Amino acid sequence: MINQITKVGRWLFPLSFLLYVGLHFGKPDTGADFVPDYFPFPLFWNYFTGICILAFIVSAVIGKYDKLATVLMALYVLLTTLLIHLPLAATSENDLLNVFRNIMVIGALLVYAQYATKDKRVVG
């Protein structure tokens, strides 16, 4: 019974990222506001990252290149943490919470990559 319940995580985890896709495309100006001033074209980065998150979701759901996509998603979350949330964490309690949340998400992505992915052709 427990094995049947935990199998839901293979689908629930990647599909939970749909919220972020919705935010990137539904409220692009809000997403662009997170882009630091030292990055040009904030709307481009907002849409680009939305597409990358969507690519991870599709890859995880169909099981093609899902391990690679999951590791790249972990790298994306790490870079977001280092380049956006960590510099702002000194002055924003919300961004400090985002740092901790992102560390948990990175860990979950790496566990997912190790144990839940099917296609291990590119990343051993």
PDB file of N, CA and C in Angstrom:
ATOM      1  N   MET A   1       0.819  -1.201   0.000  1.00  0.00           N
ATOM      2  CA  MET A   1       0.000   0.000   0.000  1.00  0.00           C
ATOM      3  C   MET A   1       0.865   1.269   0.000  1.00  0.00           C
ATOM      4  N   ILE A   2       1.898   1.273   0.853  1.00  0.00           N
ATOM      5  CA  ILE A   2       2.764   2.457   0.918  1.00  0.00           C
ATOM      6  C   ILE A   2       3.466   2.677  -0.414  1.00  0.00           C
ATOM      7  N   ASN A   3       3.908   1.607  -1.066  1.00  0.00           N
ATOM      8  CA  ASN A   3       4.574   1.745  -2.361  1.00  0.00           C
ATOM      9  C   ASN A   3       3.652   2.378  -3.389  1.00  0.00           C
ATOM     10  N   GLN A   4       2.385   2.050  -3.359  1.00  0.00           N
ATOM     11  CA  GLN A   4       1.427   2.640  -4.298  1.00  0.00           C
ATOM     12  C   GLN A   4       1.263   4.134  -4.027  1.00  0.00           C
ATOM     13  N   ILE A   5       1.234   4.492  -2.754  1.00  0.00           N
ATOM     14  CA  ILE A   5       1.082   5.904  -2.393  1.00  0.00           C
ATOM     15  C   ILE A   5       2.313   6.697  -2.817  1.00  0.00           C
ATOM     16  N   THR A   6       3.504   6.159  -2.552  1.00  0.00           N
ATOM     17  CA  THR A   6       4.723   6.905  -2.870  1.00  0.00           C
ATOM     18  C   THR A   6       4.951   7.032  -4.370  1.00  0.00           C
ATOM     19  N   LYS A   7       4.383   6.136  -5.168  1.00  0.00           N
ATOM     20  CA  LYS A   7       4.520   6.247  -6.626  1.00  0.00           C
ATOM     21  C   LYS A   7       3.860   7.507  -7.167  1.00  0.00           C
ATOM     22  N   VAL A   8       2.902   8.047  -6.438  1.00  0.00           N
ATOM     23  CA  VAL A   8       2.237   9.283  -6.851  1.00  0.00           C
ATOM     24  C   VAL A   8       3.248  10.431  -6.910  1.00  0.00           C
ATOM     25  N   GLY A   9       4.280  10.364  -6.072  1.00  0.00           N
ATOM     26  CA  GLY A   9       5.295  11.410  -6.042  1.00  0.00           C
ATOM     27  C   GLY A   9       6.012  11.600  -7.363  1.00  0.00           C
ATOM     28  N   ARG A  10       6.141  10.536  -8.136  1.00  0.00           N
ATOM     29  CA  ARG A  10       6.792  10.647  -9.452  1.00  0.00           C
ATOM     30  C   ARG A  10       6.071  11.641 -10.341  1.00  0.00           C
ATOM     31  N   TRP A  11       4.768  11.770 -10.170  1.00  0.00           N
ATOM     32  CA  TRP A  11       3.968  12.698 -10.983  1.00  0.00           C
ATOM     33  C   TRP A  11       3.694  13.996 -10.236  1.00  0.00           C
ATOM     34  N   LEU A  12       3.422  13.894  -8.966  1.00  0.00           N
ATOM     35  CA  LEU A  12       3.056  15.061  -8.177  1.00  0.00           C
ATOM     36  C   LEU A  12       4.200  16.068  -8.087  1.00  0.00           C
ATOM     37  N   PHE A  13       5.412  15.567  -7.892  1.00  0.00           N
ATOM     38  CA  PHE A  13       6.553  16.475  -7.728  1.00  0.00           C
ATOM     39  C   PHE A  13       6.782  17.352  -8.960  1.00  0.00           C
ATOM     40  N   PRO A  14       6.964  16.787 -10.162  1.00  0.00           N
ATOM     41  CA  PRO A  14       7.199  17.683 -11.300  1.00  0.00           C
ATOM     42  C   PRO A  14       5.982  18.541 -11.642  1.00  0.00           C
ATOM     43  N   LEU A  15       4.788  18.003 -11.477  1.00  0.00           N
ATOM     44  CA  LEU A  15       3.596  18.785 -11.810  1.00  0.00           C
ATOM     45  C   LEU A  15       3.392  19.958 -10.859  1.00  0.00           C
ATOM     46  N   SER A  16       3.965  19.882  -9.653  1.00  0.00           N
ATOM     47  CA  SER A  16       3.837  21.004  -8.720  1.00  0.00           C
ATOM     48  C   SER A  16       4.544  22.256  -9.240  1.00  0.00           C
ATOM     49  N   PHE A  17       5.478  22.081 -10.145  1.00  0.00           N
ATOM     50  CA  PHE A  17       6.190  23.222 -10.720  1.00  0.00           C
ATOM     51  C   PHE A  17       5.333  23.993 -11.721  1.00  0.00           C
ATOM     52  N   LEU A  18       4.174  23.462 -12.078  1.00  0.00           N
ATOM     53  CA  LEU A  18       3.264  24.182 -12.980  1.00  0.00           C
ATOM     54  C   LEU A  18       2.859  25.534 -12.399  1.00  0.00           C
ATOM     55  N   LEU A  19       2.822  25.642 -11.092  1.00  0.00           N
ATOM     56  CA  LEU A  19       2.516  26.917 -10.456  1.00  0.00           C
ATOM     57  C   LEU A  19       3.497  27.990 -10.922  1.00  0.00           C
ATOM     58  N   TYR A  20       4.775  27.644 -10.975  1.00  0.00           N
ATOM     59  CA  TYR A  20       5.785  28.612 -11.388  1.00  0.00           C
ATOM     60  C   TYR A  20       5.656  28.959 -12.868  1.00  0.00           C
ATOM     61  N   VAL A  21       5.304  27.987 -13.675  1.00  0.00           N
ATOM     62  CA  VAL A  21       5.075  28.263 -15.101  1.00  0.00           C
ATOM     63  C   VAL A  21       3.921  29.246 -15.238  1.00  0.00           C
ATOM     64  N   GLY A  22       2.850  29.004 -14.490  1.00  0.00           N
ATOM     65  CA  GLY A  22       1.702  29.913 -14.523  1.00  0.00           C
ATOM     66  C   GLY A  22       2.073  31.320 -14.101  1.00  0.00           C
ATOM     67  N   LEU A  23       2.911  31.440 -13.086  1.00  0.00           N
ATOM     68  CA  LEU A  23       3.335  32.766 -12.638  1.00  0.00           C
ATOM     69  C   LEU A  23       4.226  33.448 -13.668  1.00  0.00           C
ATOM     70  N   HIS A  24       5.123  32.691 -14.296  1.00  0.00           N
ATOM     71  CA  HIS A  24       6.018  33.288 -15.291  1.00  0.00           C
ATOM     72  C   HIS A  24       5.251  33.821 -16.496  1.00  0.00           C
ATOM     73  N   PHE A  25       4.245  33.086 -16.927  1.00  0.00           N
ATOM     74  CA  PHE A  25       3.515  33.501 -18.122  1.00  0.00           C
ATOM     75  C   PHE A  25       2.260  34.305 -17.799  1.00  0.00           C
ATOM     76  N   GLY A  26       1.660  34.070 -16.641  1.00  0.00           N
ATOM     77  CA  GLY A  26       0.438  34.784 -16.271  1.00  0.00           C
ATOM     78  C   GLY A  26       0.697  36.173 -15.725  1.00  0.00           C
ATOM     79  N   LYS A  27       1.825  36.348 -15.046  1.00  0.00           N
ATOM     80  CA  LYS A  27       2.201  37.644 -14.476  1.00  0.00           C
ATOM     81  C   LYS A  27       3.662  37.927 -14.810  1.00  0.00           C
ATOM     82  N   PRO A  28       3.962  38.149 -16.081  1.00  0.00           N
ATOM     83  CA  PRO A  28       5.369  38.295 -16.479  1.00  0.00           C
ATOM     84  C   PRO A  28       6.070  39.485 -15.836  1.00  0.00           C
ATOM     85  N   ASP A  29       5.349  40.566 -15.582  1.00  0.00           N
ATOM     86  CA  ASP A  29       5.996  41.727 -14.967  1.00  0.00           C
ATOM     87  C   ASP A  29       6.438  41.424 -13.537  1.00  0.00           C
ATOM     88  N   THR A  30       5.656  40.629 -12.833  1.00  0.00           N
ATOM     89  CA  THR A  30       6.030  40.242 -11.471  1.00  0.00           C
ATOM     90  C   THR A  30       7.295  39.396 -11.490  1.00  0.00           C
ATOM     91  N   GLY A  31       7.360  38.439 -12.407  1.00  0.00           N
ATOM     92  CA  GLY A  31       8.560  37.618 -12.534  1.00  0.00           C
ATOM     93  C   GLY A  31       9.765  38.441 -12.948  1.00  0.00           C
ATOM     94  N   ALA A  32       9.550  39.391 -13.850  1.00  0.00           N
ATOM     95  CA  ALA A  32      10.654  40.233 -14.324  1.00  0.00           C
ATOM     96  C   ALA A  32      11.189  41.121 -13.207  1.00  0.00           C
ATOM     97  N   ASP A  33      10.348  41.459 -12.238  1.00  0.00           N
ATOM     98  CA  ASP A  33      10.806  42.277 -11.110  1.00  0.00           C
ATOM     99  C   ASP A  33      11.860  41.568 -10.267  1.00  0.00           C
ATOM    100  N   PHE A  34      11.885  40.245 -10.306  1.00  0.00           N
ATOM    101  CA  PHE A  34      12.880  39.485  -9.550  1.00  0.00           C
ATOM    102  C   PHE A  34      14.251  39.506 -10.223  1.00  0.00           C
ATOM    103  N   VAL A  35      14.295  39.798 -11.504  1.00  0.00           N
ATOM    104  CA  VAL A  35      15.559  39.784 -12.246  1.00  0.00           C
ATOM    105  C   VAL A  35      16.410  40.965 -11.781  1.00  0.00           C
ATOM    106  N   PRO A  36      17.637  40.709 -11.327  1.00  0.00           N
ATOM    107  CA  PRO A  36      18.502  41.796 -10.851  1.00  0.00           C
ATOM    108  C   PRO A  36      18.818  42.794 -11.961  1.00  0.00           C
ATOM    109  N   ASP A  37      19.147  44.006 -11.554  1.00  0.00           N
ATOM    110  CA  ASP A  37      19.439  45.077 -12.509  1.00  0.00           C
ATOM    111  C   ASP A  37      20.643  44.767 -13.387  1.00  0.00           C
ATOM    112  N   TYR A  38      21.567  43.947 -12.901  1.00  0.00           N
ATOM    113  CA  TYR A  38      22.754  43.650 -13.695  1.00  0.00           C
ATOM    114  C   TYR A  38      22.486  42.637 -14.805  1.00  0.00           C
ATOM    115  N   PHE A  39      21.253  42.122 -14.903  1.00  0.00           N
ATOM    116  CA  PHE A  39      20.840  41.288 -16.039  1.00  0.00           C
ATOM    117  C   PHE A  39      20.006  42.142 -16.981  1.00  0.00           C
ATOM    118  N   PRO A  40      20.398  42.232 -18.250  1.00  0.00           N
ATOM    119  CA  PRO A  40      19.561  42.994 -19.182  1.00  0.00           C
ATOM    120  C   PRO A  40      18.313  42.192 -19.566  1.00  0.00           C
ATOM    121  N   PHE A  41      17.333  42.872 -20.084  1.00  0.00           N
ATOM    122  CA  PHE A  41      16.120  42.251 -20.638  1.00  0.00           C
ATOM    123  C   PHE A  41      15.393  41.350 -19.636  1.00  0.00           C
ATOM    124  N   PRO A  42      14.873  41.922 -18.558  1.00  0.00           N
ATOM    125  CA  PRO A  42      14.232  41.103 -17.525  1.00  0.00           C
ATOM    126  C   PRO A  42      13.039  40.284 -18.029  1.00  0.00           C
ATOM    127  N   LEU A  43      12.265  40.805 -18.963  1.00  0.00           N
ATOM    128  CA  LEU A  43      11.139  40.020 -19.481  1.00  0.00           C
ATOM    129  C   LEU A  43      11.625  38.795 -20.241  1.00  0.00           C
ATOM    130  N   PHE A  44      12.728  38.927 -20.971  1.00  0.00           N
ATOM    131  CA  PHE A  44      13.301  37.765 -21.652  1.00  0.00           C
ATOM    132  C   PHE A  44      13.637  36.679 -20.642  1.00  0.00           C
ATOM    133  N   TRP A  45      14.327  37.054 -19.555  1.00  0.00           N
ATOM    134  CA  TRP A  45      14.731  36.069 -18.551  1.00  0.00           C
ATOM    135  C   TRP A  45      13.521  35.432 -17.880  1.00  0.00           C
ATOM    136  N   ASN A  46      12.474  36.216 -17.677  1.00  0.00           N
ATOM    137  CA  ASN A  46      11.251  35.671 -17.094  1.00  0.00           C
ATOM    138  C   ASN A  46      10.663  34.590 -17.998  1.00  0.00           C
ATOM    139  N   TYR A  47      10.495  34.908 -19.278  1.00  0.00           N
ATOM    140  CA  TYR A  47       9.914  33.927 -20.204  1.00  0.00           C
ATOM    141  C   TYR A  47      10.856  32.736 -20.424  1.00  0.00           C
ATOM    142  N   PHE A  48      12.150  33.008 -20.530  1.00  0.00           N
ATOM    143  CA  PHE A  48      13.123  31.934 -20.742  1.00  0.00           C
ATOM    144  C   PHE A  48      13.089  30.931 -19.595  1.00  0.00           C
ATOM    145  N   THR A  49      13.086  31.434 -18.366  1.00  0.00           N
ATOM    146  CA  THR A  49      13.052  30.511 -17.234  1.00  0.00           C
ATOM    147  C   THR A  49      11.715  29.779 -17.158  1.00  0.00           C
ATOM    148  N   GLY A  50      10.630  30.440 -17.542  1.00  0.00           N
ATOM    149  CA  GLY A  50       9.333  29.757 -17.599  1.00  0.00           C
ATOM    150  C   GLY A  50       9.354  28.600 -18.582  1.00  0.00           C
ATOM    151  N   ILE A  51       9.988  28.811 -19.733  1.00  0.00           N
ATOM    152  CA  ILE A  51      10.114  27.746 -20.737  1.00  0.00           C
ATOM    153  C   ILE A  51      10.995  26.612 -20.205  1.00  0.00           C
ATOM    154  N   CYS A  52      12.075  26.960 -19.511  1.00  0.00           N
ATOM    155  CA  CYS A  52      12.959  25.926 -18.939  1.00  0.00           C
ATOM    156  C   CYS A  52      12.229  25.080 -17.903  1.00  0.00           C
ATOM    157  N   ILE A  53      11.441  25.716 -17.057  1.00  0.00           N
ATOM    158  CA  ILE A  53      10.675  24.966 -16.052  1.00  0.00           C
ATOM    159  C   ILE A  53       9.667  24.059 -16.744  1.00  0.00           C
ATOM    160  N   LEU A  54       9.007  24.577 -17.773  1.00  0.00           N
ATOM    161  CA  LEU A  54       8.039  23.772 -18.526  1.00  0.00           C
ATOM    162  C   LEU A  54       8.727  22.586 -19.204  1.00  0.00           C
ATOM    163  N   ALA A  55       9.928  22.804 -19.730  1.00  0.00           N
ATOM    164  CA  ALA A  55      10.679  21.709 -20.356  1.00  0.00           C
ATOM    165  C   ALA A  55      11.002  20.619 -19.332  1.00  0.00           C
ATOM    166  N   PHE A  56      11.360  21.015 -18.115  1.00  0.00           N
ATOM    167  CA  PHE A  56      11.598  20.032 -17.051  1.00  0.00           C
ATOM    168  C   PHE A  56      10.341  19.217 -16.780  1.00  0.00           C
ATOM    169  N   ILE A  57       9.203  19.891 -16.665  1.00  0.00           N
ATOM    170  CA  ILE A  57       7.945  19.198 -16.359  1.00  0.00           C
ATOM    171  C   ILE A  57       7.610  18.196 -17.454  1.00  0.00           C
ATOM    172  N   VAL A  58       7.676  18.645 -18.707  1.00  0.00           N
ATOM    173  CA  VAL A  58       7.341  17.758 -19.833  1.00  0.00           C
ATOM    174  C   VAL A  58       8.288  16.566 -19.853  1.00  0.00           C
ATOM    175  N   SER A  59       9.572  16.818 -19.689  1.00  0.00           N
ATOM    176  CA  SER A  59      10.561  15.745 -19.700  1.00  0.00           C
ATOM    177  C   SER A  59      10.303  14.739 -18.582  1.00  0.00           C
ATOM    178  N   ALA A  60       9.989  15.235 -17.393  1.00  0.00           N
ATOM    179  CA  ALA A  60       9.731  14.342 -16.259  1.00  0.00           C
ATOM    180  C   ALA A  60       8.470  13.518 -16.472  1.00  0.00           C
ATOM    181  N   VAL A  61       7.447  14.127 -17.044  1.00  0.00           N
ATOM    182  CA  VAL A  61       6.176  13.418 -17.230  1.00  0.00           C
ATOM    183  C   VAL A  61       6.287  12.350 -18.314  1.00  0.00           C
ATOM    184  N   ILE A  62       6.969  12.684 -19.426  1.00  0.00           N
ATOM    185  CA  ILE A  62       7.061  11.693 -20.509  1.00  0.00           C
ATOM    186  C   ILE A  62       8.227  10.725 -20.310  1.00  0.00           C
ATOM    187  N   GLY A  63       9.149  11.048 -19.402  1.00  0.00           N
ATOM    188  CA  GLY A  63      10.245  10.136 -19.102  1.00  0.00           C
ATOM    189  C   GLY A  63      11.360  10.124 -20.129  1.00  0.00           C
ATOM    190  N   LYS A  64      11.505  11.175 -20.893  1.00  0.00           N
ATOM    191  CA  LYS A  64      12.598  11.291 -21.862  1.00  0.00           C
ATOM    192  C   LYS A  64      13.561  12.377 -21.390  1.00  0.00           C
ATOM    193  N   TYR A  65      14.817  12.005 -21.271  1.00  0.00           N
ATOM    194  CA  TYR A  65      15.855  12.909 -20.763  1.00  0.00           C
ATOM    195  C   TYR A  65      15.461  13.501 -19.407  1.00  0.00           C
ATOM    196  N   ASP A  66      14.698  12.755 -18.629  1.00  0.00           N
ATOM    197  CA  ASP A  66      14.190  13.291 -17.372  1.00  0.00           C
ATOM    198  C   ASP A  66      15.279  13.473 -16.315  1.00  0.00           C
ATOM    199  N   LYS A  67      16.276  12.604 -16.296  1.00  0.00           N
ATOM    200  CA  LYS A  67      17.354  12.785 -15.317  1.00  0.00           C
ATOM    201  C   LYS A  67      18.162  14.035 -15.650  1.00  0.00           C
ATOM    202  N   LEU A  68      18.495  14.226 -16.920  1.00  0.00           N
ATOM    203  CA  LEU A  68      19.208  15.434 -17.341  1.00  0.00           C
ATOM    204  C   LEU A  68      18.385  16.679 -17.011  1.00  0.00           C
ATOM    205  N   ALA A  69      17.108  16.660 -17.356  1.00  0.00           N
ATOM    206  CA  ALA A  69      16.242  17.815 -17.103  1.00  0.00           C
ATOM    207  C   ALA A  69      16.144  18.119 -15.612  1.00  0.00           C
ATOM    208  N   THR A  70      16.105  17.084 -14.788  1.00  0.00           N
ATOM    209  CA  THR A  70      15.992  17.288 -13.345  1.00  0.00           C
ATOM    210  C   THR A  70      17.281  17.870 -12.773  1.00  0.00           C
ATOM    211  N   VAL A  71      18.421  17.389 -13.231  1.00  0.00           N
ATOM    212  CA  VAL A  71      19.701  17.941 -12.767  1.00  0.00           C
ATOM    213  C   VAL A  71      19.844  19.393 -13.233  1.00  0.00           C
ATOM    214  N   LEU A  72      19.438  19.682 -14.464  1.00  0.00           N
ATOM    215  CA  LEU A  72      19.480  21.066 -14.953  1.00  0.00           C
ATOM    216  C   LEU A  72      18.522  21.961 -14.171  1.00  0.00           C
ATOM    217  N   MET A  73      17.383  21.421 -13.781  1.00  0.00           N
ATOM    218  CA  MET A  73      16.436  22.185 -12.965  1.00  0.00           C
ATOM    219  C   MET A  73      17.046  22.489 -11.599  1.00  0.00           C
ATOM    220  N   ALA A  74      17.760  21.528 -11.022  1.00  0.00           N
ATOM    221  CA  ALA A  74      18.443  21.765  -9.746  1.00  0.00           C
ATOM    222  C   ALA A  74      19.501  22.859  -9.907  1.00  0.00           C
ATOM    223  N   LEU A  75      20.217  22.841 -11.030  1.00  0.00           N
ATOM    224  CA  LEU A  75      21.208  23.883 -11.306  1.00  0.00           C
ATOM    225  C   LEU A  75      20.534  25.247 -11.442  1.00  0.00           C
ATOM    226  N   TYR A  76      19.395  25.288 -12.122  1.00  0.00           N
ATOM    227  CA  TYR A  76      18.637  26.538 -12.268  1.00  0.00           C
ATOM    228  C   TYR A  76      18.231  27.081 -10.894  1.00  0.00           C
ATOM    229  N   VAL A  77      17.710  26.217 -10.031  1.00  0.00           N
ATOM    230  CA  VAL A  77      17.281  26.665  -8.701  1.00  0.00           C
ATOM    231  C   VAL A  77      18.490  27.133  -7.890  1.00  0.00           C
ATOM    232  N   LEU A  78      19.626  26.443  -8.023  1.00  0.00           N
ATOM    233  CA  LEU A  78      20.846  26.866  -7.334  1.00  0.00           C
ATOM    234  C   LEU A  78      21.284  28.252  -7.807  1.00  0.00           C
ATOM    235  N   LEU A  79      21.305  28.460  -9.117  1.00  0.00           N
ATOM    236  CA  LEU A  79      21.703  29.767  -9.656  1.00  0.00           C
ATOM    237  C   LEU A  79      20.731  30.863  -9.237  1.00  0.00           C
ATOM    238  N   THR A  80      19.445  30.558  -9.229  1.00  0.00           N
ATOM    239  CA  THR A  80      18.445  31.523  -8.772  1.00  0.00           C
ATOM    240  C   THR A  80      18.699  31.892  -7.312  1.00  0.00           C
ATOM    241  N   THR A  81      19.047  30.900  -6.530  1.00  0.00           N
ATOM    242  CA  THR A  81      19.326  31.139  -5.113  1.00  0.00           C
ATOM    243  C   THR A  81      20.550  32.033  -4.948  1.00  0.00           C
ATOM    244  N   LEU A  82      21.621  31.706  -5.664  1.00  0.00           N
ATOM    245  CA  LEU A  82      22.875  32.452  -5.516  1.00  0.00           C
ATOM    246  C   LEU A  82      22.806  33.854  -6.112  1.00  0.00           C
ATOM    247  N   LEU A  83      22.154  33.997  -7.262  1.00  0.00           N
ATOM    248  CA  LEU A  83      22.165  35.274  -7.980  1.00  0.00           C
ATOM    249  C   LEU A  83      21.029  36.215  -7.594  1.00  0.00           C
ATOM    250  N   ILE A  84      19.930  35.673  -7.099  1.00  0.00           N
ATOM    251  CA  ILE A  84      18.770  36.526  -6.812  1.00  0.00           C
ATOM    252  C   ILE A  84      18.468  36.569  -5.316  1.00  0.00           C
ATOM    253  N   HIS A  85      18.169  35.425  -4.727  1.00  0.00           N
ATOM    254  CA  HIS A  85      17.661  35.427  -3.354  1.00  0.00           C
ATOM    255  C   HIS A  85      18.740  35.673  -2.302  1.00  0.00           C
ATOM    256  N   LEU A  86      19.915  35.105  -2.475  1.00  0.00           N
ATOM    257  CA  LEU A  86      20.968  35.281  -1.468  1.00  0.00           C
ATOM    258  C   LEU A  86      21.405  36.741  -1.332  1.00  0.00           C
ATOM    259  N   PRO A  87      21.655  37.469  -2.432  1.00  0.00           N
ATOM    260  CA  PRO A  87      22.013  38.881  -2.272  1.00  0.00           C
ATOM    261  C   PRO A  87      20.909  39.709  -1.597  1.00  0.00           C
ATOM    262  N   LEU A  88      19.653  39.341  -1.830  1.00  0.00           N
ATOM    263  CA  LEU A  88      18.543  40.091  -1.238  1.00  0.00           C
ATOM    264  C   LEU A  88      18.219  39.642   0.184  1.00  0.00           C
ATOM    265  N   ALA A  89      18.748  38.491   0.594  1.00  0.00           N
ATOM    266  CA  ALA A  89      18.405  37.925   1.900  1.00  0.00           C
ATOM    267  C   ALA A  89      18.870  38.797   3.066  1.00  0.00           C
ATOM    268  N   ALA A  90      19.897  39.606   2.848  1.00  0.00           N
ATOM    269  CA  ALA A  90      20.394  40.466   3.924  1.00  0.00           C
ATOM    270  C   ALA A  90      19.378  41.539   4.301  1.00  0.00           C
ATOM    271  N   THR A  91      18.528  41.914   3.366  1.00  0.00           N
ATOM    272  CA  THR A  91      17.572  42.991   3.629  1.00  0.00           C
ATOM    273  C   THR A  91      16.116  42.541   3.573  1.00  0.00           C
ATOM    274  N   SER A  92      15.876  41.313   3.143  1.00  0.00           N
ATOM    275  CA  SER A  92      14.500  40.851   2.981  1.00  0.00           C
ATOM    276  C   SER A  92      14.313  39.490   3.649  1.00  0.00           C
ATOM    277  N   GLU A  93      13.453  39.464   4.653  1.00  0.00           N
ATOM    278  CA  GLU A  93      13.177  38.204   5.338  1.00  0.00           C
ATOM    279  C   GLU A  93      12.548  37.193   4.382  1.00  0.00           C
ATOM    280  N   ASN A  94      11.734  37.681   3.461  1.00  0.00           N
ATOM    281  CA  ASN A  94      11.097  36.800   2.479  1.00  0.00           C
ATOM    282  C   ASN A  94      12.146  36.109   1.609  1.00  0.00           C
ATOM    283  N   ASP A  95      13.174  36.851   1.201  1.00  0.00           N
ATOM    284  CA  ASP A  95      14.221  36.237   0.382  1.00  0.00           C
ATOM    285  C   ASP A  95      15.078  35.273   1.195  1.00  0.00           C
ATOM    286  N   LEU A  96      15.236  35.536   2.483  1.00  0.00           N
ATOM    287  CA  LEU A  96      15.939  34.583   3.341  1.00  0.00           C
ATOM    288  C   LEU A  96      15.162  33.266   3.400  1.00  0.00           C
ATOM    289  N   LEU A  97      13.853  33.357   3.514  1.00  0.00           N
ATOM    290  CA  LEU A  97      13.016  32.154   3.479  1.00  0.00           C
ATOM    291  C   LEU A  97      13.116  31.460   2.124  1.00  0.00           C
ATOM    292  N   ASN A  98      13.206  32.245   1.043  1.00  0.00           N
ATOM    293  CA  ASN A  98      13.364  31.666  -0.296  1.00  0.00           C
ATOM    294  C   ASN A  98      14.669  30.889  -0.416  1.00  0.00           C
ATOM    295  N   VAL A  99      15.722  31.371   0.233  1.00  0.00           N
ATOM    296  CA  VAL A  99      17.002  30.654   0.210  1.00  0.00           C
ATOM    297  C   VAL A  99      16.827  29.271   0.832  1.00  0.00           C
ATOM    298  N   PHE A 100      16.210  29.220   2.002  1.00  0.00           N
ATOM    299  CA  PHE A 100      16.008  27.928   2.669  1.00  0.00           C
ATOM    300  C   PHE A 100      15.079  27.026   1.865  1.00  0.00           C
ATOM    301  N   ARG A 101      14.009  27.589   1.322  1.00  0.00           N
ATOM    302  CA  ARG A 101      13.084  26.798   0.505  1.00  0.00           C
ATOM    303  C   ARG A 101      13.802  26.247  -0.723  1.00  0.00           C
ATOM    304  N   ASN A 102      14.610  27.074  -1.360  1.00  0.00           N
ATOM    305  CA  ASN A 102      15.318  26.628  -2.560  1.00  0.00           C
ATOM    306  C   ASN A 102      16.325  25.528  -2.252  1.00  0.00           C
ATOM    307  N   ILE A 103      16.971  25.591  -1.098  1.00  0.00           N
ATOM    308  CA  ILE A 103      17.895  24.517  -0.715  1.00  0.00           C
ATOM    309  C   ILE A 103      17.136  23.201  -0.584  1.00  0.00           C
ATOM    310  N   MET A 104      15.938  23.260  -0.004  1.00  0.00           N
ATOM    311  CA  MET A 104      15.115  22.044   0.106  1.00  0.00           C
ATOM    312  C   MET A 104      14.693  21.545  -1.273  1.00  0.00           C
ATOM    313  N   VAL A 105      14.338  22.463  -2.164  1.00  0.00           N
ATOM    314  CA  VAL A 105      13.920  22.073  -3.516  1.00  0.00           C
ATOM    315  C   VAL A 105      15.088  21.450  -4.273  1.00  0.00           C
ATOM    316  N   ILE A 106      16.279  22.019  -4.132  1.00  0.00           N
ATOM    317  CA  ILE A 106      17.461  21.443  -4.787  1.00  0.00           C
ATOM    318  C   ILE A 106      17.679  20.014  -4.299  1.00  0.00           C
ATOM    319  N   GLY A 107      17.609  19.816  -2.996  1.00  0.00           N
ATOM    320  CA  GLY A 107      17.760  18.470  -2.446  1.00  0.00           C
ATOM    321  C   GLY A 107      16.709  17.521  -2.988  1.00  0.00           C
ATOM    322  N   ALA A 108      15.461  17.972  -3.037  1.00  0.00           N
ATOM    323  CA  ALA A 108      14.378  17.128  -3.553  1.00  0.00           C
ATOM    324  C   ALA A 108      14.586  16.812  -5.031  1.00  0.00           C
ATOM    325  N   LEU A 109      15.040  17.788  -5.808  1.00  0.00           N
ATOM    326  CA  LEU A 109      15.304  17.548  -7.230  1.00  0.00           C
ATOM    327  C   LEU A 109      16.407  16.510  -7.411  1.00  0.00           C
ATOM    328  N   LEU A 110      17.455  16.599  -6.613  1.00  0.00           N
ATOM    329  CA  LEU A 110      18.552  15.644  -6.752  1.00  0.00           C
ATOM    330  C   LEU A 110      18.134  14.238  -6.320  1.00  0.00           C
ATOM    331  N   VAL A 111      17.318  14.139  -5.285  1.00  0.00           N
ATOM    332  CA  VAL A 111      16.786  12.827  -4.886  1.00  0.00           C
ATOM    333  C   VAL A 111      15.883  12.284  -5.991  1.00  0.00           C
ATOM    334  N   TYR A 112      15.048  13.146  -6.556  1.00  0.00           N
ATOM    335  CA  TYR A 112      14.167  12.743  -7.660  1.00  0.00           C
ATOM    336  C   TYR A 112      15.008  12.250  -8.840  1.00  0.00           C
ATOM    337  N   ALA A 113      16.082  12.994  -9.157  1.00  0.00           N
ATOM    338  CA  ALA A 113      16.952  12.601 -10.275  1.00  0.00           C
ATOM    339  C   ALA A 113      17.566  11.227 -10.035  1.00  0.00           C
ATOM    340  N   GLN A 114      17.935  10.954  -8.800  1.00  0.00           N
ATOM    341  CA  GLN A 114      18.585   9.682  -8.482  1.00  0.00           C
ATOM    342  C   GLN A 114      17.616   8.507  -8.480  1.00  0.00           C
ATOM    343  N   TYR A 115      16.426   8.705  -7.937  1.00  0.00           N
ATOM    344  CA  TYR A 115      15.558   7.556  -7.663  1.00  0.00           C
ATOM    345  C   TYR A 115      14.269   7.482  -8.482  1.00  0.00           C
ATOM    346  N   ALA A 116      13.824   8.571  -9.079  1.00  0.00           N
ATOM    347  CA  ALA A 116      12.516   8.545  -9.750  1.00  0.00           C
ATOM    348  C   ALA A 116      12.600   8.640 -11.265  1.00  0.00           C
ATOM    349  N   THR A 117      13.731   9.084 -11.786  1.00  0.00           N
ATOM    350  CA  THR A 117      13.818   9.257 -13.238  1.00  0.00           C
ATOM    351  C   THR A 117      13.995   7.920 -13.939  1.00  0.00           C
ATOM    352  N   LYS A 118      13.599   7.903 -15.202  1.00  0.00           N
ATOM    353  CA  LYS A 118      13.640   6.670 -15.999  1.00  0.00           C
ATOM    354  C   LYS A 118      14.781   6.674 -17.024  1.00  0.00           C
ATOM    355  N   ASP A 119      14.974   7.816 -17.681  1.00  0.00           N
ATOM    356  CA  ASP A 119      15.916   7.915 -18.796  1.00  0.00           C
ATOM    357  C   ASP A 119      17.266   8.398 -18.279  1.00  0.00           C
ATOM    358  N   LYS A 120      18.232   7.503 -18.182  1.00  0.00           N
ATOM    359  CA  LYS A 120      19.534   7.838 -17.620  1.00  0.00           C
ATOM    360  C   LYS A 120      20.633   7.843 -18.686  1.00  0.00           C
ATOM    361  N   ARG A 121      20.237   8.097 -19.946  1.00  0.00           N
ATOM    362  CA  ARG A 121      21.209   8.037 -21.041  1.00  0.00           C
ATOM    363  C   ARG A 121      22.275   9.111 -20.955  1.00  0.00           C
ATOM    364  N   VAL A 122      21.906  10.334 -20.608  1.00  0.00           N
ATOM    365  CA  VAL A 122      22.855  11.435 -20.667  1.00  0.00           C
ATOM    366  C   VAL A 122      23.603  11.603 -19.355  1.00  0.00           C
ATOM    367  N   VAL A 123      22.894  11.527 -18.238  1.00  0.00           N
ATOM    368  CA  VAL A 123      23.502  11.667 -16.919  1.00  0.00           C
ATOM    369  C   VAL A 123      23.422  10.307 -16.253  1.00  0.00           C
ATOM    370  N   GLY A 124      24.594   9.600 -16.139  1.00  0.00           N
ATOM    371  CA  GLY A 124      24.679   8.248 -15.620  1.00  0.00           C
ATOM    372  C   GLY A 124      23.886   7.917 -14.481  1.00  0.00           C
TER     373      GLY A 124
END
